[in-house]
C-alpha cells in the first residue's frame, strides 16, 4: 500500500444569494499533488476538501484532479481511492468519455453540426500537446468490488485545465491562466436513460475547476465552445454567478477548406520545411511573437517555450512540421506551424445540416490539418496555405483544413469558406475591469479584441 499523506484544505468561496439554496450537496474532492518516484514507486500526497454542487445525481462520486504527467501512474492513484487499479481500464474509460460528441447544436435547431473525436494512443498523444494540464475527473464507482483489485467505475466527467502564463500589461508582469479543454460528460445509457446527462454534471465539474482556481491563485480562465452548446452555457452561467465571478463570451468562426478543391501543387513547390533549421525557427518566432504579443491570452512568451511546443508536436507527429516561404536572401517571408491532426485523432460530424451532410458523406473530414501561428502578408500566406492544403492531402490523405478566425483578422478573407462552424471564446475572471483593459490592449484599430485562437487543441 502506498503511503499518501493527506493535507486537509478549507477553501473559502463566495456564494450568490440567488443560488444559495439550489446547491444541495457538499461532495468530497481530492487533489493529487507532489507526485514523485521514491525507491522505484510512485508516491504522492492528497489535498482533501469539499465542493458545493447543484448536481442532481443521487449516488456517490469520486471527484479528483491530478497533473497530466501523473497519467502513466494512474493505477497507483486509482488504488488509493479503492478503484480498479488497472491502467488499461482507465484509458478505455477516458477514451469513451473523450469521444462524446462536442455539441454545437441547440434544441431549437440552431448550429450546423456537432462532432466526435477519437484520440489515438492515449496518454502519449495528449502529453505531446500540453504537459502543463491538470486532469479533472468525476468518477462514478460501482457499489461493490467484484474484482478484488478495487471497484470498477465509469468516468462521468472529464476536463483538462491547461496552465498558461501570459503578459497582458505590456510589461514583464505575469498573470496565470487556465485554458479549459475537452469538457465532456459521459453519455452512458442504463435502462434507456442517459444517467449522467441532465444531472448537472457540467456544473459539478465547474465547481471543481473553481477549486483549482482558488488553490493556485489563478485569476483568468478561458476556453472555446460551440456557440449553441446549451449545457455548457447554463453551467457556465450558474457556476460563475454562484462563485461571484464575471464571465463573458466572445464570438469567432472556424472555417473548413476541402483540400481537393483548395490545394495547389505549384504553390507547394515554394514551401520550405524549416522545422530543423534553428536560425529560421528563431526568425519565424520573432515575427510570430511580434504579431501575437498583444493578443488576449497569448502565452508563447519566449523562444524556448515556442521551441518546446514545436519539438513536442513534431516528435510525436512526424508529418507535423514548420513550413515557410522565404525571400531570395533566405529570410522568412511567411510561415506557420502545420499540425496534422490526423496523427492525433479521427474526426466525425454528428447530425450535420446543409452542405455538411454532403461533406460528411464524402468521408473527407475524418482527418484534418490545422495551420497555426501564421505570419506573413495575406497574399504570400494565401499561397503557402494553398500549397500546404495540397501537400497534406497528397502525402498524408488529409481531406480538410480547419482555420480559426475573428472579426478584424487580416487572414479572414483568405480563410472564408462555405463550411463554417460558429464558436464562442468564454472567459471567467474575478476582475472585470482588468479584463476590459486586456481586451482594449488586444483590440484592432476597429475595436475588435484579437483572440489567441492558436491553442494546439480547440
Protein backbone atom coordinates (compact mmCIF):
# COMPACT_ATOMS: atom_id res chain seq x y z
CA UNK A 1 0.00 0.00 0.00
CA UNK A 2 1.44 3.39 -0.99
CA UNK A 3 1.55 5.86 1.85
CA UNK A 4 -0.21 9.08 0.87
CA UNK A 5 -0.10 11.83 3.50
CA UNK A 6 -3.28 13.89 3.44
CA UNK A 7 -3.37 17.68 3.62
CA UNK A 8 -6.75 18.97 4.78
CA UNK A 9 -7.77 22.16 2.97
CA UNK A 10 -10.66 24.51 3.55
CA UNK A 11 -11.20 26.79 0.59
CA UNK A 12 -13.48 29.76 1.13
CA UNK A 13 -15.73 30.62 -1.79
CA UNK A 14 -18.23 33.44 -2.29
CA UNK A 15 -21.85 32.44 -2.71
CA UNK A 16 -24.52 34.25 -4.71
CA UNK A 17 -27.75 34.51 -2.72
CA UNK A 18 -29.93 33.64 -5.72
CA UNK A 19 -28.28 30.20 -5.96
CA UNK A 20 -27.50 29.56 -2.31
CA UNK A 21 -30.45 27.21 -1.79
CA UNK A 22 -30.01 25.46 -5.13
CA UNK A 23 -26.67 23.92 -4.16
CA UNK A 24 -27.75 20.99 -2.08
CA UNK A 25 -24.66 18.79 -1.99
CA UNK A 26 -21.23 19.03 -0.47
CA UNK A 27 -19.16 16.43 -2.24
CA UNK A 28 -15.68 15.29 -1.14
CA UNK A 29 -12.96 16.36 -3.56
CA UNK A 30 -9.30 15.29 -3.71
CA UNK A 31 -6.37 16.91 -5.49
CA UNK A 32 -3.40 14.60 -6.04
CA UNK A 33 -0.15 16.52 -5.74
CA UNK A 34 3.61 16.21 -5.21
CA UNK A 35 3.90 13.09 -7.33
CA UNK A 36 7.41 11.61 -7.44
CA UNK A 37 9.29 8.35 -7.70
CA UNK A 38 10.81 7.11 -4.45
CA UNK A 39 12.57 3.75 -4.19
CA UNK A 40 11.10 2.75 -7.52
CA UNK A 41 7.48 3.51 -6.52
CA UNK A 42 5.21 6.41 -7.42
CA UNK A 43 4.28 8.39 -4.32
CA UNK A 44 2.05 11.42 -3.86
CA UNK A 45 0.03 13.48 -1.39
CA UNK A 46 -3.69 14.20 -1.39
CA UNK A 47 -5.24 17.59 -0.60
CA UNK A 48 -8.82 16.99 0.53
CA UNK A 49 -11.67 19.47 0.59
CA UNK A 50 -15.31 19.70 -0.45
CA UNK A 51 -17.15 21.23 -3.39
CA UNK A 52 -20.66 22.57 -3.28
CA UNK A 53 -22.64 21.26 -6.20
CA UNK A 54 -26.13 21.57 -7.59
CA UNK A 55 -25.90 18.28 -9.48
CA UNK A 56 -28.91 16.02 -9.08
CA UNK A 57 -27.08 12.73 -9.39
CA UNK A 58 -28.15 10.66 -6.40
CA UNK A 59 -25.18 8.32 -5.99
CA UNK A 60 -21.61 8.76 -4.76
CA UNK A 61 -18.93 10.30 -6.95
CA UNK A 62 -15.16 10.23 -6.57
CA UNK A 63 -14.03 13.74 -7.54
CA UNK A 64 -10.33 14.21 -8.12
CA UNK A 65 -7.72 16.07 -10.12
CA UNK A 66 -4.05 15.41 -10.84
CA UNK A 67 -1.28 16.68 -13.08
CA UNK A 68 -1.33 15.20 -16.57
CA UNK A 69 2.23 13.89 -16.17
CA UNK A 70 0.92 11.52 -13.48
CA UNK A 71 -1.17 9.69 -16.09
CA UNK A 72 1.37 6.86 -16.57
CA UNK A 73 0.96 6.13 -12.82
CA UNK A 74 -2.84 6.17 -12.84
CA UNK A 75 -3.05 2.64 -11.38
CA UNK A 76 -1.41 3.84 -8.16
CA UNK A 77 -3.80 6.78 -7.93
CA UNK A 78 -6.90 4.65 -8.54
CA UNK A 79 -5.74 2.10 -5.95
CA UNK A 80 -5.54 4.79 -3.28
CA UNK A 81 -9.21 5.63 -3.85
CA UNK A 82 -10.34 1.99 -3.76
CA UNK A 83 -10.92 1.97 -7.52
CA UNK A 84 -9.94 -0.67 -10.06
CA UNK A 85 -6.17 -0.33 -10.27
CA UNK A 86 -5.68 -1.10 -13.94
CA UNK A 87 -4.18 1.45 -16.34
CA UNK A 88 -5.77 -0.02 -19.48
CA UNK A 89 -9.21 0.07 -17.88
CA UNK A 90 -8.74 3.76 -17.05
CA UNK A 91 -7.51 4.55 -20.59
CA UNK A 92 -10.56 2.80 -22.09
CA UNK A 93 -12.90 4.76 -19.83
CA UNK A 94 -11.10 8.02 -20.63
CA UNK A 95 -11.32 7.37 -24.37
CA UNK A 96 -15.04 6.64 -24.08
CA UNK A 97 -15.85 9.94 -22.41
CA UNK A 98 -13.46 12.00 -24.57
CA UNK A 99 -15.20 10.58 -27.65
CA UNK A 100 -18.56 12.01 -26.54
CA UNK A 101 -19.93 14.45 -29.12
CA UNK A 102 -18.99 18.10 -28.66
CA UNK A 103 -22.40 19.68 -29.06
CA UNK A 104 -22.63 22.66 -31.40
CA UNK A 105 -26.42 22.48 -31.87
CA UNK A 106 -29.25 23.58 -29.62
CA UNK A 107 -32.69 22.10 -29.07
CA UNK A 108 -34.29 24.78 -31.27
CA UNK A 109 -32.25 23.69 -34.30
CA UNK A 110 -29.52 26.32 -34.12
CA UNK A 111 -26.00 25.33 -35.14
CA UNK A 112 -24.87 23.34 -38.16
CA UNK A 113 -23.26 20.30 -36.59
CA UNK A 114 -21.83 18.52 -33.60
CA UNK A 115 -18.78 16.29 -33.79
CA UNK A 116 -16.96 13.41 -32.18
CA UNK A 117 -13.21 12.92 -31.95
CA UNK A 118 -11.43 9.67 -31.15
CA UNK A 119 -7.91 10.22 -29.82
CA UNK A 120 -5.26 7.69 -30.74
CA UNK A 121 -2.58 6.47 -28.36
CA UNK A 122 -3.62 7.98 -25.01
CA UNK A 123 -1.83 9.22 -22.93
CA UNK A 124 1.17 9.78 -25.23
CA UNK A 125 -0.82 11.76 -27.79
CA UNK A 126 -2.26 14.13 -25.18
CA UNK A 127 1.07 14.61 -23.40
CA UNK A 128 2.61 15.56 -26.75
CA UNK A 129 0.26 18.53 -26.97
CA UNK A 130 0.45 20.01 -23.49
CA UNK A 131 2.21 18.71 -20.39
CA UNK A 132 1.08 21.52 -18.04
CA UNK A 133 -2.53 20.43 -17.63
CA UNK A 134 -4.49 19.26 -14.61
CA UNK A 135 -6.90 16.42 -15.40
CA UNK A 136 -10.22 16.84 -13.60
CA UNK A 137 -12.46 13.78 -13.15
CA UNK A 138 -15.88 12.90 -11.83
CA UNK A 139 -15.85 9.13 -11.33
CA UNK A 140 -18.93 7.01 -10.64
CA UNK A 141 -17.80 3.79 -8.91
CA UNK A 142 -19.71 0.55 -8.68
CA UNK A 143 -21.10 -0.11 -5.22
CA UNK A 144 -19.08 -3.27 -4.59
CA UNK A 145 -15.66 -4.56 -5.57
CA UNK A 146 -16.24 -7.55 -7.82
CA UNK A 147 -12.56 -7.83 -8.85
CA UNK A 148 -10.52 -7.88 -5.66
CA UNK A 149 -8.50 -5.05 -7.23
CA UNK A 150 -10.89 -2.22 -6.42
CA UNK A 151 -14.30 -1.12 -7.64
CA UNK A 152 -14.80 -0.73 -11.36
CA UNK A 153 -16.17 2.64 -12.43
CA UNK A 154 -17.40 4.98 -15.16
CA UNK A 155 -15.71 8.32 -15.80
CA UNK A 156 -18.79 10.56 -15.79
CA UNK A 157 -16.96 13.84 -16.42
CA UNK A 158 -13.53 14.72 -17.83
CA UNK A 159 -11.81 18.12 -18.27
CA UNK A 160 -8.29 19.39 -18.84
CA UNK A 161 -7.24 22.63 -17.14
CA UNK A 162 -4.16 23.72 -19.10
CA UNK A 163 -1.90 26.05 -17.13
CA UNK A 164 -0.55 29.05 -19.07
CA UNK A 165 1.30 32.26 -18.22
CA UNK A 166 0.59 35.44 -20.14
CA UNK A 167 1.70 39.11 -20.02
CA UNK A 168 -1.37 41.28 -20.56
CA UNK A 169 0.03 44.52 -19.09
CA UNK A 170 2.57 45.33 -21.79
CA UNK A 171 5.46 44.71 -19.41
CA UNK A 172 7.09 41.74 -17.66
CA UNK A 173 4.31 41.12 -15.13
CA UNK A 174 2.82 37.63 -15.35
CA UNK A 175 -0.79 36.53 -14.93
CA UNK A 176 -1.70 32.86 -14.61
CA UNK A 177 -4.48 31.44 -16.73
CA UNK A 178 -6.32 28.16 -17.15
CA UNK A 179 -7.39 27.08 -20.61
CA UNK A 180 -10.19 24.54 -20.17
CA UNK A 181 -10.23 21.83 -22.80
CA UNK A 182 -12.07 18.58 -23.61
CA UNK A 183 -15.13 19.40 -21.49
CA UNK A 184 -17.02 16.12 -21.68
CA UNK A 185 -19.80 14.34 -19.77
CA UNK A 186 -20.45 10.65 -20.38
CA UNK A 187 -23.49 9.62 -22.42
CA UNK A 188 -23.71 6.20 -20.77
CA UNK A 189 -27.20 4.69 -21.03
CA UNK A 190 -28.71 2.42 -18.35
CA UNK A 191 -32.25 1.08 -18.85
CA UNK A 192 -32.78 3.59 -21.67
CA UNK A 193 -31.73 6.58 -19.54
CA UNK A 194 -28.61 8.72 -20.03
CA UNK A 195 -27.76 8.52 -16.36
CA UNK A 196 -25.29 11.49 -16.27
CA UNK A 197 -26.88 13.84 -18.80
CA UNK A 198 -29.32 16.41 -17.42
CA UNK A 199 -27.95 15.72 -13.94
CA UNK A 200 -25.97 19.00 -13.89
CA UNK A 201 -22.66 17.16 -14.02
CA UNK A 202 -21.19 20.07 -16.02
CA UNK A 203 -21.96 22.35 -13.06
CA UNK A 204 -20.28 19.85 -10.74
CA UNK A 205 -17.16 19.90 -12.95
CA UNK A 206 -17.09 23.70 -12.95
CA UNK A 207 -17.21 23.61 -9.14
CA UNK A 208 -14.00 21.54 -9.14
CA UNK A 209 -12.40 23.93 -11.60
CA UNK A 210 -13.21 26.83 -9.28
CA UNK A 211 -11.37 24.97 -6.51
CA UNK A 212 -8.26 24.76 -8.70
CA UNK A 213 -8.53 28.47 -9.39
CA UNK A 214 -8.64 29.40 -5.70
CA UNK A 215 -5.91 26.93 -4.76
CA UNK A 216 -3.44 28.10 -7.40
CA UNK A 217 -4.16 31.83 -7.41
CA UNK A 218 -5.46 31.89 -10.99
CA UNK A 219 -7.45 35.00 -11.93
CA UNK A 220 -8.44 34.26 -15.55
CA UNK A 221 -9.90 31.12 -17.13
CA UNK A 222 -10.84 30.68 -20.76
CA UNK A 223 -11.99 28.03 -23.22
CA UNK A 224 -13.63 27.52 -26.59
CA UNK A 225 -17.10 26.09 -27.04
CA UNK A 226 -19.70 25.63 -29.75
CA UNK A 227 -21.81 28.79 -29.83
CA UNK A 228 -25.01 26.73 -29.41
CA UNK A 229 -23.77 24.41 -26.64
CA UNK A 230 -26.64 24.93 -24.21
CA UNK A 231 -25.36 22.62 -21.45
CA UNK A 232 -22.08 24.47 -21.04
CA UNK A 233 -23.78 27.87 -21.38
CA UNK A 234 -26.07 27.06 -18.46
CA UNK A 235 -23.31 25.52 -16.33
CA UNK A 236 -21.02 28.48 -17.02
CA UNK A 237 -23.69 30.99 -16.04
CA UNK A 238 -24.83 29.30 -12.86
CA UNK A 239 -21.36 28.42 -11.63
CA UNK A 240 -19.88 31.86 -12.33
CA UNK A 241 -22.77 33.70 -10.68
CA UNK A 242 -22.69 31.36 -7.69
CA UNK A 243 -18.97 31.99 -7.17
CA UNK A 244 -19.35 35.74 -7.66
CA UNK A 245 -17.22 35.88 -10.79
CA UNK A 246 -17.56 37.72 -14.08
CA UNK A 247 -17.89 35.81 -17.33
CA UNK A 248 -18.46 36.65 -20.96
CA UNK A 249 -18.42 35.03 -24.39
CA UNK A 250 -16.69 36.39 -27.50
CA UNK A 251 -17.59 35.00 -30.93
CA UNK A 252 -15.25 33.55 -33.53
CA UNK A 253 -15.55 31.25 -36.53
CA UNK A 254 -13.85 28.05 -37.68
CA UNK A 255 -13.88 27.64 -41.45
CA UNK A 256 -13.12 24.39 -43.26
CA UNK A 257 -11.38 24.18 -46.65
CA UNK A 258 -11.72 20.98 -48.68
CA UNK A 259 -8.14 20.28 -49.71
CA UNK A 260 -9.05 18.63 -53.03
CA UNK A 261 -10.56 21.90 -54.27
CA UNK A 262 -8.35 24.45 -52.50
CA UNK A 263 -4.86 22.93 -52.60
CA UNK A 264 -2.23 23.83 -55.20
CA UNK A 265 0.73 21.66 -56.19
CA UNK A 266 2.52 24.60 -57.83
CA UNK A 267 2.26 26.68 -54.63
CA UNK A 268 3.67 23.87 -52.51
CA UNK A 269 6.82 23.99 -54.65
CA UNK A 270 7.58 27.33 -52.95
CA UNK A 271 7.15 25.97 -49.39
CA UNK A 272 10.27 25.12 -47.38
CA UNK A 273 10.38 22.84 -44.31
CA UNK A 274 12.27 24.82 -41.62
CA UNK A 275 11.46 22.53 -38.67
CA UNK A 276 15.12 21.56 -38.14
CA UNK A 277 16.62 24.94 -39.09
CA UNK A 278 17.13 26.63 -35.72
CA UNK A 279 18.13 30.00 -37.19
CA UNK A 280 14.99 30.19 -39.34
CA UNK A 281 12.83 28.94 -36.47
CA UNK A 282 14.12 31.79 -34.31
CA UNK A 283 13.49 34.25 -37.12
CA UNK A 284 9.96 32.89 -37.51
CA UNK A 285 9.40 33.13 -33.75
CA UNK A 286 10.35 36.84 -33.75
CA UNK A 287 7.80 37.53 -36.48
CA UNK A 288 5.15 35.43 -34.76
CA UNK A 289 5.77 36.96 -31.33
CA UNK A 290 5.61 40.50 -32.70
CA UNK A 291 2.27 39.71 -34.34
CA UNK A 292 0.66 37.96 -31.36
CA UNK A 293 2.16 39.55 -28.24
CA UNK A 294 -0.89 41.78 -27.65
CA UNK A 295 -3.45 39.06 -28.36
CA UNK A 296 -5.75 38.11 -25.49
CA UNK A 297 -4.18 35.19 -23.54
CA UNK A 298 -1.15 34.80 -25.81
CA UNK A 299 1.30 32.60 -23.89
CA UNK A 300 4.28 31.71 -26.12
CA UNK A 301 6.29 34.31 -24.26
CA UNK A 302 9.80 33.09 -25.07
CA UNK A 303 11.52 31.35 -27.93
CA UNK A 304 12.25 28.44 -25.57
CA UNK A 305 8.51 27.90 -24.89
CA UNK A 306 7.86 28.06 -28.64
CA UNK A 307 10.64 25.63 -29.50
CA UNK A 308 9.45 23.22 -26.81
CA UNK A 309 5.96 23.24 -28.37
CA UNK A 310 7.40 22.60 -31.83
CA UNK A 311 9.61 19.80 -30.50
CA UNK A 312 6.75 18.04 -28.65
CA UNK A 313 4.39 18.19 -31.61
CA UNK A 314 6.89 17.13 -34.26
CA UNK A 315 8.45 14.39 -32.13
CA UNK A 316 5.03 12.79 -31.75
CA UNK A 317 3.71 13.54 -35.25
CA UNK A 318 6.38 13.16 -37.92
CA UNK A 319 4.09 14.77 -40.50
CA UNK A 320 3.52 17.91 -38.41
CA UNK A 321 6.15 20.44 -39.46
CA UNK A 322 7.01 24.13 -39.65
CA UNK A 323 6.80 25.46 -43.21
CA UNK A 324 7.83 28.81 -44.68
CA UNK A 325 8.11 30.76 -47.89
CA UNK A 326 11.46 32.54 -47.94
CA UNK A 327 12.77 35.61 -49.76
CA UNK A 328 15.61 35.48 -52.28
CA UNK A 329 18.06 36.20 -49.44
CA UNK A 330 16.71 33.24 -47.43
CA UNK A 331 14.79 35.30 -44.87
CA UNK A 332 11.34 34.18 -43.77
CA UNK A 333 8.52 35.85 -45.73
CA UNK A 334 5.61 33.75 -44.44
CA UNK A 335 5.44 30.75 -42.11
CA UNK A 336 3.20 28.59 -39.95
CA UNK A 337 3.24 25.57 -37.66
CA UNK A 338 1.42 22.89 -39.65
CA UNK A 339 -0.29 20.40 -37.34
CA UNK A 340 -1.60 17.17 -38.88
CA UNK A 341 -4.43 16.35 -36.50
CA UNK A 342 -4.98 13.03 -38.24
CA UNK A 343 -1.98 11.75 -36.25
CA UNK A 344 -3.82 12.54 -33.01
CA UNK A 345 -7.43 11.73 -33.68
CA UNK A 346 -10.21 10.66 -36.00
CA UNK A 347 -12.99 13.19 -36.52
CA UNK A 348 -16.66 12.60 -37.34
CA UNK A 349 -19.53 15.03 -37.76
CA UNK A 350 -22.75 14.15 -35.93
CA UNK A 351 -26.18 15.28 -37.15
CA UNK A 352 -24.83 17.52 -39.95
CA UNK A 353 -27.02 20.13 -41.62
CA UNK A 354 -26.92 21.67 -45.08
CA UNK A 355 -23.71 21.24 -47.02
CA UNK A 356 -22.10 19.48 -44.06
CA UNK A 357 -24.28 16.46 -44.96
CA UNK A 358 -22.54 16.19 -48.32
CA UNK A 359 -19.09 16.71 -46.83
CA UNK A 360 -19.63 14.10 -44.11
CA UNK A 361 -20.91 11.56 -46.64
CA UNK A 362 -17.74 12.03 -48.71
CA UNK A 363 -15.53 10.94 -45.78
CA UNK A 364 -13.08 13.80 -46.26
CA UNK A 365 -13.49 15.13 -42.70
CA UNK A 366 -12.10 12.10 -40.87
CA UNK A 367 -8.63 13.70 -40.93
CA UNK A 368 -7.86 17.38 -40.81
CA UNK A 369 -4.89 19.68 -40.97
CA UNK A 370 -4.57 22.82 -38.88
CA UNK A 371 -2.07 25.60 -39.69
CA UNK A 372 -1.28 27.70 -36.60
CA UNK A 373 0.74 30.79 -35.68
CA UNK A 374 0.67 32.13 -39.23
CA UNK A 375 2.83 35.11 -40.23
CA UNK A 376 3.35 36.97 -43.48
CA UNK A 377 1.34 39.32 -45.65
CA UNK A 378 -2.06 37.91 -46.65
CA UNK A 379 -1.11 37.36 -50.31
CA UNK A 380 2.01 35.34 -49.51
CA UNK A 381 0.32 33.48 -46.67
CA UNK A 382 -2.52 32.51 -49.01
CA UNK A 383 -0.03 30.97 -51.45
CA UNK A 384 1.58 28.97 -48.64
CA UNK A 385 -1.81 27.81 -47.34
CA UNK A 386 -2.85 26.53 -50.76
CA UNK A 387 0.46 24.68 -51.07
CA UNK A 388 0.10 23.04 -47.66
CA UNK A 389 -3.51 22.02 -48.34
CA UNK A 390 -2.25 20.16 -51.41
CA UNK A 391 0.68 18.60 -49.54
CA UNK A 392 -1.34 17.23 -46.63
CA UNK A 393 -3.92 15.71 -48.95
CA UNK A 394 -1.36 14.29 -51.37
CA UNK A 395 1.19 12.99 -48.85
CA UNK A 396 -0.98 12.17 -45.82
CA UNK A 397 -4.55 11.69 -47.06
CA UNK A 398 -5.90 14.68 -45.11
CA UNK A 399 -9.19 15.90 -46.57
CA UNK A 400 -9.91 19.16 -44.77
CA UNK A 401 -8.08 22.18 -43.34
CA UNK A 402 -9.52 23.90 -40.22
CA UNK A 403 -8.96 27.66 -39.92
CA UNK A 404 -9.92 29.76 -36.87
CA UNK A 405 -10.59 33.46 -37.32
CA UNK A 406 -12.26 36.51 -35.75
CA UNK A 407 -13.53 39.94 -36.81
CA UNK A 408 -10.53 42.10 -37.70
CA UNK A 409 -8.25 39.18 -38.63
CA UNK A 410 -6.22 40.15 -41.75
CA UNK A 411 -6.45 36.50 -42.88
CA UNK A 412 -10.25 36.26 -42.53
CA UNK A 413 -10.93 36.72 -46.25
CA UNK A 414 -8.36 34.00 -47.04
CA UNK A 415 -9.93 31.61 -44.58
CA UNK A 416 -13.57 32.10 -45.60
CA UNK A 417 -15.43 29.05 -46.86
CA UNK A 418 -18.99 27.84 -47.33
CA UNK A 419 -18.19 25.40 -44.50
CA UNK A 420 -18.23 27.30 -41.21
CA UNK A 421 -18.85 26.49 -37.54
CA UNK A 422 -19.67 29.22 -35.02
CA UNK A 423 -17.73 29.16 -31.75
CA UNK A 424 -17.59 31.22 -28.58
CA UNK A 425 -14.47 32.04 -26.59
CA UNK A 426 -15.68 32.08 -22.99
CA UNK A 427 -13.81 33.83 -20.22
CA UNK A 428 -14.26 33.63 -16.43
CA UNK A 429 -12.41 36.10 -14.21
CA UNK A 430 -12.53 37.71 -10.79
CA UNK A 431 -11.60 41.21 -12.02
CA UNK A 432 -13.91 42.55 -14.71
CA UNK A 433 -12.08 45.88 -15.01
CA UNK A 434 -8.75 44.19 -15.68
CA UNK A 435 -10.30 42.01 -18.34
CA UNK A 436 -11.71 45.06 -20.13
CA UNK A 437 -8.24 46.64 -20.04
CA UNK A 438 -6.70 43.48 -21.51
CA UNK A 439 -9.35 43.35 -24.24
CA UNK A 440 -8.76 47.01 -25.08
CA UNK A 441 -5.00 46.46 -25.31
CA UNK A 442 -5.55 43.50 -27.63
CA UNK A 443 -8.04 45.24 -29.89
CA UNK A 444 -7.64 46.08 -33.56
CA UNK A 445 -7.93 49.68 -34.75
CA UNK A 446 -11.64 48.97 -35.32
CA UNK A 447 -12.06 47.84 -31.70
CA UNK A 448 -12.25 44.05 -32.21
CA UNK A 449 -10.47 42.05 -29.47
CA UNK A 450 -7.77 39.87 -31.00
CA UNK A 451 -8.16 36.38 -29.56
CA UNK A 452 -5.26 33.95 -29.32
CA UNK A 453 -7.01 31.06 -31.04
CA UNK A 454 -3.93 29.01 -31.86
CA UNK A 455 -4.08 26.56 -29.00
CA UNK A 456 -2.86 23.13 -30.16
CA UNK A 457 -6.32 21.77 -29.27
CA UNK A 458 -9.70 23.53 -29.54
